[in-house]
Amino acid sequence: MTNPAEISINEERALYWLQVGAKPSDTARNILSREGILLRNHLQIGVNKGAITQAQADAKFNAWKEERDSKLNA
């Protein structure tokens, strides 16, 4: 146990389960959202449909992650 609580998530497996149709609970959804896994899933759906390229999806995710990290540090 740590204070504050520390959460460890296997992001690739969480993303896989979301892609095959898993429906997270409200608490799990909040955790996945905070970690950016729901955003990655959303972007991957766009890549699969051909709306954006993988490079564009990666750039959007990295920009979001940098913005989130800067807010946490502030």
N, C-alpha and C. Protein backbone atom coordinates (compact mmCIF):
# COMPACT_ATOMS: atom_id res chain seq x y z
N MET A 1 0.85 -1.18 0.00
CA MET A 1 0.00 0.00 0.00
C MET A 1 0.89 1.24 0.00
N THR A 2 0.54 2.17 -0.80
CA THR A 2 1.26 3.44 -0.84
C THR A 2 0.27 4.56 -0.56
N ASN A 3 0.81 5.67 -0.17
CA ASN A 3 -0.02 6.84 0.07
C ASN A 3 0.58 8.00 -0.71
N PRO A 4 -0.05 8.52 -1.74
CA PRO A 4 -1.37 8.20 -2.27
C PRO A 4 -1.37 6.84 -2.99
N ALA A 5 -2.55 6.32 -3.22
CA ALA A 5 -2.69 5.01 -3.85
C ALA A 5 -2.05 5.01 -5.24
N GLU A 6 -1.43 3.91 -5.57
CA GLU A 6 -0.75 3.78 -6.85
C GLU A 6 -1.48 2.73 -7.68
N ILE A 7 -1.75 3.03 -8.93
CA ILE A 7 -2.49 2.12 -9.80
C ILE A 7 -1.57 1.68 -10.92
N SER A 8 -1.50 0.38 -11.14
CA SER A 8 -0.68 -0.18 -12.21
C SER A 8 -1.61 -0.86 -13.21
N ILE A 9 -1.52 -0.44 -14.47
CA ILE A 9 -2.41 -0.97 -15.51
C ILE A 9 -1.57 -1.48 -16.67
N ASN A 10 -1.88 -2.67 -17.16
CA ASN A 10 -1.29 -3.16 -18.39
C ASN A 10 -2.08 -2.52 -19.53
N GLU A 11 -1.57 -1.44 -20.07
CA GLU A 11 -2.33 -0.64 -21.03
C GLU A 11 -2.69 -1.41 -22.29
N GLU A 12 -1.77 -2.23 -22.79
CA GLU A 12 -2.05 -2.97 -24.02
C GLU A 12 -3.20 -3.95 -23.82
N ARG A 13 -3.23 -4.64 -22.68
CA ARG A 13 -4.31 -5.59 -22.42
C ARG A 13 -5.63 -4.87 -22.20
N ALA A 14 -5.60 -3.75 -21.50
CA ALA A 14 -6.83 -2.98 -21.29
C ALA A 14 -7.38 -2.51 -22.63
N LEU A 15 -6.49 -2.03 -23.50
CA LEU A 15 -6.91 -1.58 -24.83
C LEU A 15 -7.48 -2.75 -25.62
N TYR A 16 -6.84 -3.91 -25.53
CA TYR A 16 -7.34 -5.10 -26.22
C TYR A 16 -8.77 -5.43 -25.78
N TRP A 17 -8.99 -5.46 -24.47
CA TRP A 17 -10.31 -5.83 -23.96
C TRP A 17 -11.37 -4.81 -24.37
N LEU A 18 -11.00 -3.54 -24.42
CA LEU A 18 -11.95 -2.53 -24.89
C LEU A 18 -12.29 -2.75 -26.36
N GLN A 19 -11.29 -3.14 -27.15
CA GLN A 19 -11.51 -3.34 -28.58
C GLN A 19 -12.36 -4.56 -28.88
N VAL A 20 -12.36 -5.54 -27.98
CA VAL A 20 -13.20 -6.73 -28.22
C VAL A 20 -14.56 -6.61 -27.55
N GLY A 21 -14.86 -5.44 -26.98
CA GLY A 21 -16.21 -5.19 -26.51
C GLY A 21 -16.42 -5.13 -25.01
N ALA A 22 -15.36 -5.13 -24.22
CA ALA A 22 -15.54 -5.06 -22.77
C ALA A 22 -16.16 -3.72 -22.39
N LYS A 23 -17.06 -3.75 -21.44
CA LYS A 23 -17.73 -2.54 -20.94
C LYS A 23 -17.25 -2.29 -19.51
N PRO A 24 -16.38 -1.29 -19.30
CA PRO A 24 -15.86 -1.05 -17.95
C PRO A 24 -16.93 -0.44 -17.03
N SER A 25 -16.80 -0.72 -15.74
CA SER A 25 -17.68 -0.10 -14.76
C SER A 25 -17.37 1.39 -14.69
N ASP A 26 -18.16 2.14 -13.97
CA ASP A 26 -17.93 3.58 -13.86
C ASP A 26 -16.56 3.88 -13.27
N THR A 27 -16.19 3.15 -12.22
CA THR A 27 -14.89 3.37 -11.57
C THR A 27 -13.76 3.02 -12.53
N ALA A 28 -13.87 1.88 -13.19
CA ALA A 28 -12.84 1.47 -14.15
C ALA A 28 -12.76 2.46 -15.30
N ARG A 29 -13.91 2.96 -15.75
CA ARG A 29 -13.93 3.94 -16.84
C ARG A 29 -13.18 5.21 -16.43
N ASN A 30 -13.37 5.66 -15.20
CA ASN A 30 -12.67 6.85 -14.73
C ASN A 30 -11.17 6.63 -14.71
N ILE A 31 -10.74 5.47 -14.26
CA ILE A 31 -9.31 5.17 -14.21
C ILE A 31 -8.74 5.08 -15.61
N LEU A 32 -9.43 4.38 -16.51
CA LEU A 32 -8.96 4.24 -17.88
C LEU A 32 -8.93 5.59 -18.60
N SER A 33 -9.89 6.44 -18.30
CA SER A 33 -9.92 7.77 -18.90
C SER A 33 -8.74 8.60 -18.43
N ARG A 34 -8.47 8.56 -17.13
CA ARG A 34 -7.38 9.35 -16.57
C ARG A 34 -6.03 8.90 -17.13
N GLU A 35 -5.90 7.61 -17.43
CA GLU A 35 -4.66 7.08 -17.97
C GLU A 35 -4.56 7.24 -19.49
N GLY A 36 -5.65 7.64 -20.15
CA GLY A 36 -5.63 7.87 -21.59
C GLY A 36 -5.95 6.64 -22.42
N ILE A 37 -6.33 5.56 -21.78
CA ILE A 37 -6.60 4.33 -22.52
C ILE A 37 -7.88 4.45 -23.33
N LEU A 38 -8.88 5.14 -22.80
CA LEU A 38 -10.12 5.34 -23.57
C LEU A 38 -9.86 6.22 -24.79
N LEU A 39 -8.98 7.21 -24.65
CA LEU A 39 -8.63 8.06 -25.80
C LEU A 39 -7.91 7.24 -26.86
N ARG A 40 -6.97 6.39 -26.44
CA ARG A 40 -6.26 5.54 -27.39
C ARG A 40 -7.23 4.62 -28.12
N ASN A 41 -8.21 4.08 -27.40
CA ASN A 41 -9.21 3.23 -28.02
C ASN A 41 -10.01 4.01 -29.06
N HIS A 42 -10.42 5.21 -28.70
CA HIS A 42 -11.18 6.07 -29.62
C HIS A 42 -10.36 6.38 -30.87
N LEU A 43 -9.10 6.73 -30.68
CA LEU A 43 -8.24 7.03 -31.83
C LEU A 43 -8.01 5.79 -32.70
N GLN A 44 -7.87 4.63 -32.06
CA GLN A 44 -7.64 3.40 -32.82
C GLN A 44 -8.86 3.04 -33.66
N ILE A 45 -10.03 3.32 -33.16
CA ILE A 45 -11.25 3.09 -33.95
C ILE A 45 -11.21 3.96 -35.21
N GLY A 46 -10.77 5.21 -35.07
CA GLY A 46 -10.64 6.10 -36.22
C GLY A 46 -9.63 5.58 -37.22
N VAL A 47 -8.53 5.02 -36.73
CA VAL A 47 -7.52 4.44 -37.62
C VAL A 47 -8.10 3.24 -38.36
N ASN A 48 -8.80 2.38 -37.63
CA ASN A 48 -9.39 1.19 -38.25
C ASN A 48 -10.42 1.54 -39.32
N LYS A 49 -11.14 2.65 -39.13
CA LYS A 49 -12.13 3.07 -40.11
C LYS A 49 -11.52 3.86 -41.26
N GLY A 50 -10.25 4.25 -41.12
CA GLY A 50 -9.57 4.99 -42.18
C GLY A 50 -9.75 6.49 -42.09
N ALA A 51 -10.30 6.99 -40.99
CA ALA A 51 -10.53 8.42 -40.84
C ALA A 51 -9.22 9.17 -40.59
N ILE A 52 -8.29 8.53 -39.88
CA ILE A 52 -6.98 9.13 -39.61
C ILE A 52 -5.92 8.05 -39.75
N THR A 53 -4.67 8.48 -39.87
CA THR A 53 -3.57 7.53 -39.97
C THR A 53 -3.06 7.21 -38.56
N GLN A 54 -2.28 6.14 -38.46
CA GLN A 54 -1.71 5.77 -37.17
C GLN A 54 -0.78 6.87 -36.66
N ALA A 55 -0.04 7.52 -37.56
CA ALA A 55 0.86 8.60 -37.16
C ALA A 55 0.07 9.78 -36.57
N GLN A 56 -1.06 10.12 -37.17
CA GLN A 56 -1.90 11.19 -36.65
C GLN A 56 -2.47 10.82 -35.29
N ALA A 57 -2.89 9.57 -35.13
CA ALA A 57 -3.43 9.12 -33.85
C ALA A 57 -2.36 9.18 -32.77
N ASP A 58 -1.14 8.74 -33.10
CA ASP A 58 -0.05 8.78 -32.13
C ASP A 58 0.29 10.22 -31.75
N ALA A 59 0.27 11.12 -32.73
CA ALA A 59 0.57 12.53 -32.46
C ALA A 59 -0.49 13.14 -31.54
N LYS A 60 -1.76 12.84 -31.79
CA LYS A 60 -2.84 13.37 -30.94
C LYS A 60 -2.73 12.83 -29.52
N PHE A 61 -2.41 11.53 -29.38
CA PHE A 61 -2.29 10.94 -28.06
C PHE A 61 -1.10 11.54 -27.31
N ASN A 62 0.03 11.69 -28.00
CA ASN A 62 1.22 12.27 -27.35
C ASN A 62 0.98 13.72 -26.94
N ALA A 63 0.26 14.49 -27.75
CA ALA A 63 -0.07 15.87 -27.39
C ALA A 63 -0.96 15.90 -26.15
N TRP A 64 -1.94 15.00 -26.09
CA TRP A 64 -2.82 14.92 -24.92
C TRP A 64 -2.01 14.55 -23.68
N LYS A 65 -1.11 13.59 -23.83
CA LYS A 65 -0.31 13.13 -22.69
C LYS A 65 0.60 14.24 -22.16
N GLU A 66 1.21 15.01 -23.05
CA GLU A 66 2.06 16.13 -22.63
C GLU A 66 1.24 17.19 -21.90
N GLU A 67 0.05 17.47 -22.41
CA GLU A 67 -0.84 18.46 -21.76
C GLU A 67 -1.25 17.97 -20.38
N ARG A 68 -1.60 16.70 -20.27
CA ARG A 68 -1.99 16.13 -18.98
C ARG A 68 -0.84 16.18 -17.98
N ASP A 69 0.36 15.83 -18.43
CA ASP A 69 1.52 15.85 -17.54
C ASP A 69 1.85 17.26 -17.07
N SER A 70 1.71 18.24 -17.96
CA SER A 70 1.99 19.62 -17.57
C SER A 70 0.97 20.11 -16.54
N LYS A 71 -0.29 19.69 -16.69
CA LYS A 71 -1.33 20.09 -15.71
C LYS A 71 -1.05 19.44 -14.35
N LEU A 72 -0.61 18.18 -14.36
CA LEU A 72 -0.32 17.49 -13.10
C LEU A 72 0.88 18.11 -12.38
N ASN A 73 1.84 18.56 -13.15
CA ASN A 73 3.05 19.17 -12.55
C ASN A 73 2.80 20.57 -12.02
N ALA A 74 1.78 21.23 -12.55
CA ALA A 74 1.48 22.61 -12.16
C ALA A 74 0.76 22.68 -10.85
